[in-house]
N, C-alpha and C. Protein backbone atom coordinates (compact mmCIF):
# COMPACT_ATOMS: atom_id res chain seq x y z
N MET A 1 26.48 -4.28 -11.49
CA MET A 1 25.83 -4.36 -10.09
C MET A 1 24.42 -4.18 -10.52
N VAL A 2 23.65 -5.49 -10.34
CA VAL A 2 22.35 -5.09 -10.38
C VAL A 2 21.63 -4.81 -8.78
N PHE A 3 21.15 -3.33 -8.67
CA PHE A 3 20.86 -3.59 -7.55
C PHE A 3 18.80 -4.29 -7.48
N GLU A 4 18.81 -4.60 -6.42
CA GLU A 4 17.97 -5.38 -6.14
C GLU A 4 16.80 -4.30 -4.83
N GLU A 5 15.54 -4.45 -4.99
CA GLU A 5 15.07 -4.01 -3.95
C GLU A 5 14.78 -5.29 -2.88
N PRO A 6 14.56 -5.12 -1.39
CA PRO A 6 14.20 -5.88 -0.82
C PRO A 6 13.16 -6.54 -0.66
N PRO A 7 12.77 -7.22 0.52
CA PRO A 7 11.27 -8.22 -0.12
C PRO A 7 10.59 -7.22 1.41
N ILE A 8 8.73 -6.37 0.22
CA ILE A 8 8.48 -5.89 1.77
C ILE A 8 7.10 -6.77 1.75
N HIS A 9 7.09 -6.80 3.10
CA HIS A 9 6.47 -7.19 3.83
C HIS A 9 5.26 -6.54 4.88
N TRP A 10 4.40 -7.32 5.73
CA TRP A 10 2.62 -6.53 6.03
C TRP A 10 3.36 -5.68 6.66
N ASN A 11 4.12 -5.05 7.40
CA ASN A 11 4.41 -4.20 8.47
C ASN A 11 5.53 -2.68 7.54
N ASP A 12 5.54 -3.05 6.22
CA ASP A 12 6.58 -2.30 5.66
C ASP A 12 5.33 -0.96 5.10
N TYR A 13 4.38 -0.61 5.66
CA TYR A 13 3.55 0.59 5.27
C TYR A 13 3.88 1.38 4.38
N GLU A 14 4.87 2.26 4.50
CA GLU A 14 5.31 3.44 3.51
C GLU A 14 5.67 2.39 2.13
N ASP A 15 6.65 1.41 2.56
CA ASP A 15 6.52 0.89 1.28
C ASP A 15 5.17 0.91 -0.11
N ILE A 16 4.85 -0.13 0.92
CA ILE A 16 3.25 -0.43 0.41
C ILE A 16 2.59 0.80 -0.27
N ALA A 17 2.79 2.34 0.56
CA ALA A 17 1.59 3.02 0.09
C ALA A 17 2.54 3.54 -0.55
N LEU A 18 4.08 3.77 -1.69
CA LEU A 18 4.32 4.14 -2.22
C LEU A 18 4.00 3.41 -3.85
N LYS A 19 3.76 2.03 -3.19
CA LYS A 19 3.57 0.97 -4.53
C LYS A 19 2.36 1.46 -5.05
N LEU A 20 0.93 1.50 -4.18
CA LEU A 20 0.27 1.95 -3.84
C LEU A 20 -0.32 3.36 -4.92
N TYR A 21 0.56 3.84 -4.42
CA TYR A 21 0.12 5.42 -4.91
C TYR A 21 0.69 5.57 -6.74
N GLU A 22 2.15 4.65 -6.33
CA GLU A 22 2.79 4.73 -8.53
C GLU A 22 1.66 3.53 -9.14
N ARG A 23 1.14 2.85 -8.84
CA ARG A 23 -0.01 2.21 -9.02
C ARG A 23 -1.21 3.04 -9.28
N PHE A 24 -1.38 3.67 -8.57
CA PHE A 24 -3.06 4.00 -8.86
C PHE A 24 -2.74 5.91 -8.62
N GLY A 25 -1.72 6.48 -8.74
CA GLY A 25 -1.97 8.03 -9.41
C GLY A 25 -2.53 8.59 -7.80
N ASP A 26 -3.70 10.02 -8.56
CA ASP A 26 -4.21 10.74 -7.92
C ASP A 26 -5.44 10.31 -8.47
N ASP A 27 -5.78 8.92 -8.54
CA ASP A 27 -6.94 7.66 -8.99
C ASP A 27 -7.94 8.25 -7.74
N PHE A 28 -7.17 8.21 -6.69
CA PHE A 28 -7.81 7.28 -5.59
C PHE A 28 -6.94 9.17 -4.18
N ASN A 29 -8.21 9.32 -4.17
CA ASN A 29 -7.94 11.25 -3.36
C ASN A 29 -7.75 10.45 -1.55
N GLU A 30 -7.62 11.22 -0.25
CA GLU A 30 -7.97 11.08 0.46
C GLU A 30 -9.09 10.30 0.53
N GLY A 31 -10.91 11.02 0.68
CA GLY A 31 -11.94 10.03 1.12
C GLY A 31 -11.70 8.85 0.11
N LYS A 32 -11.55 8.83 -1.17
CA LYS A 32 -11.34 7.78 -1.28
C LYS A 32 -10.89 6.10 -0.96
N ILE A 33 -9.44 6.14 -0.57
CA ILE A 33 -8.66 5.87 0.19
C ILE A 33 -8.91 5.08 1.31
N TYR A 34 -9.91 5.61 2.06
CA TYR A 34 -10.20 5.60 3.46
C TYR A 34 -11.61 4.64 3.03
N ARG A 35 -11.96 4.51 2.06
CA ARG A 35 -13.69 3.98 1.10
C ARG A 35 -13.30 2.28 0.67
N ILE A 36 -11.47 2.15 0.69
CA ILE A 36 -11.72 1.10 0.12
C ILE A 36 -11.97 -0.18 1.14
N ARG A 37 -12.74 -1.45 0.37
CA ARG A 37 -12.57 -2.07 1.18
C ARG A 37 -11.01 -2.85 1.63
N PHE A 38 -11.25 -3.42 2.85
CA PHE A 38 -10.54 -4.19 3.30
C PHE A 38 -9.69 -5.25 2.11
N THR A 39 -11.09 -6.26 2.08
CA THR A 39 -10.83 -7.41 0.60
C THR A 39 -10.53 -6.69 -0.34
N GLU A 40 -10.56 -6.00 -0.59
CA GLU A 40 -9.58 -5.49 -2.05
C GLU A 40 -8.59 -4.71 -2.01
N LEU A 41 -8.15 -3.99 -0.85
CA LEU A 41 -6.99 -3.67 -0.68
C LEU A 41 -5.58 -4.88 -0.24
N ILE A 42 -6.58 -5.68 0.59
CA ILE A 42 -5.67 -6.74 0.22
C ILE A 42 -4.98 -7.99 -0.91
N GLU A 43 -5.66 -7.68 -1.62
CA GLU A 43 -5.53 -8.54 -2.70
C GLU A 43 -4.84 -7.74 -3.90
N TRP A 44 -4.89 -6.04 -3.87
CA TRP A 44 -3.88 -5.19 -4.29
C TRP A 44 -2.33 -5.29 -3.62
N VAL A 45 -1.83 -5.19 -2.62
CA VAL A 45 -1.01 -5.71 -1.60
C VAL A 45 -0.36 -6.73 -1.81
N LEU A 46 -1.44 -7.64 -1.90
CA LEU A 46 -0.60 -9.17 -2.97
C LEU A 46 -0.20 -9.15 -4.40
N GLU A 47 -0.68 -8.13 -4.70
CA GLU A 47 0.07 -7.68 -6.64
C GLU A 47 1.03 -7.35 -6.50
N ILE A 48 1.33 -6.59 -5.47
CA ILE A 48 2.91 -5.91 -5.45
C ILE A 48 3.88 -6.60 -5.82
N ASP A 49 4.58 -6.37 -7.28
CA ASP A 49 5.73 -6.54 -6.84
C ASP A 49 6.75 -6.78 -6.01
N GLY A 50 7.62 -7.84 -5.94
CA GLY A 50 8.35 -8.37 -4.24
C GLY A 50 7.82 -7.87 -3.15
N PHE A 51 6.65 -7.73 -3.08
CA PHE A 51 5.69 -8.39 -2.01
C PHE A 51 5.94 -10.01 -1.04
N HIS A 52 5.98 -10.43 0.00
CA HIS A 52 6.61 -11.79 0.66
C HIS A 52 6.02 -12.29 1.63
N GLY A 53 3.97 -11.62 1.73
CA GLY A 53 2.98 -11.53 2.99
C GLY A 53 2.72 -12.70 1.96
N THR A 54 1.55 -13.50 3.46
CA THR A 54 0.57 -14.27 2.90
C THR A 54 -0.73 -13.39 3.60
N ARG A 55 -1.81 -13.53 3.21
CA ARG A 55 -3.11 -13.20 3.27
C ARG A 55 -3.61 -13.61 4.55
N GLU A 56 -2.64 -14.65 4.46
CA GLU A 56 -3.47 -14.98 6.46
C GLU A 56 -1.81 -14.29 7.64
N GLU A 57 -0.95 -13.61 7.05
CA GLU A 57 -0.11 -12.65 7.63
C GLU A 57 -1.21 -11.43 8.09
N CYS A 58 -1.64 -11.67 7.49
CA CYS A 58 -2.27 -9.53 7.25
C CYS A 58 -3.42 -9.97 8.49
N ASN A 59 -3.54 -8.73 8.94
CA ASN A 59 -5.19 -7.98 10.29
C ASN A 59 -5.02 -6.53 9.79
N GLU A 60 -6.54 -6.72 10.48
CA GLU A 60 -6.98 -4.75 9.97
C GLU A 60 -5.65 -3.97 10.54
N GLY A 61 -5.30 -4.41 11.62
CA GLY A 61 -4.48 -3.01 11.59
C GLY A 61 -3.34 -2.79 10.92
N HIS A 62 -2.81 -3.47 9.87
CA HIS A 62 -1.55 -3.59 9.03
C HIS A 62 -2.55 -3.24 8.01
N LEU A 63 -3.65 -3.33 7.47
CA LEU A 63 -4.90 -2.15 6.49
C LEU A 63 -4.73 -1.29 7.23
N GLU A 64 -5.47 -0.83 8.38
CA GLU A 64 -5.70 0.74 8.51
C GLU A 64 -4.03 1.58 8.48
N MET A 65 -3.44 0.93 8.60
CA MET A 65 -1.09 1.61 8.80
C MET A 65 -1.33 2.11 7.23
N ILE A 66 -1.52 0.07 6.68
CA ILE A 66 -1.21 1.05 5.11
C ILE A 66 -2.03 2.21 4.46
N GLN A 67 -3.77 2.32 4.91
CA GLN A 67 -4.41 3.46 4.45
C GLN A 67 -4.07 4.63 5.04
N SER A 68 -3.64 4.95 6.01
CA SER A 68 -3.00 5.52 6.26
C SER A 68 -1.39 5.97 5.66
N SER A 69 -0.63 5.32 5.77
CA SER A 69 0.46 6.06 4.68
C SER A 69 0.23 6.15 3.90
N TRP A 70 -0.36 5.49 2.58
CA TRP A 70 -1.08 6.11 1.52
C TRP A 70 -1.97 7.31 1.37
N VAL A 71 -2.44 7.30 2.03
CA VAL A 71 -3.12 8.77 2.71
C VAL A 71 -1.97 10.26 2.64
N TYR A 72 -0.94 9.53 3.05
CA TYR A 72 -0.15 10.19 3.20
C TYR A 72 0.89 10.32 2.29
N GLU A 73 0.98 9.71 1.76
CA GLU A 73 1.85 9.56 0.18
C GLU A 73 1.33 10.12 -0.48
N TRP A 74 -0.25 9.90 -0.48
CA TRP A 74 -1.11 11.14 -2.05
C TRP A 74 -0.66 12.10 -1.25
N ARG A 75 -0.85 12.77 0.08
CA ARG A 75 -0.39 14.21 0.37
C ARG A 75 0.45 14.80 -0.24
N ASP A 76 1.00 13.72 0.02
CA ASP A 76 3.22 14.66 -0.33
C ASP A 76 3.00 15.00 -1.62
N ASN A 77 2.17 14.02 -2.83
CA ASN A 77 2.24 14.46 -3.77
C ASN A 77 1.34 15.63 -4.52
N GLN A 78 0.77 15.99 -3.74
CA GLN A 78 -0.64 17.17 -4.09
C GLN A 78 0.28 18.23 -4.07
N SER A 79 0.28 19.35 -5.10
CA SER A 79 0.56 21.09 -5.18
C SER A 79 0.18 21.76 -5.33
């Protein structure tokens, strides 16, 4: 049996943050994550495998929550 991940949507902040951390690792620290342009962040989220959202569904609140979740994911992986 093949396990298929459920689709990811704009409000799946932790899933998106994990995918971004998996993609970029420690290339982005806390300061850099908070300085990412929203236009760039939108593109990166839209490129995530299994992401089922549209640019039009995105809003500033989603992007702020994604950034915060990404920072927490980064912090969790620092030892």
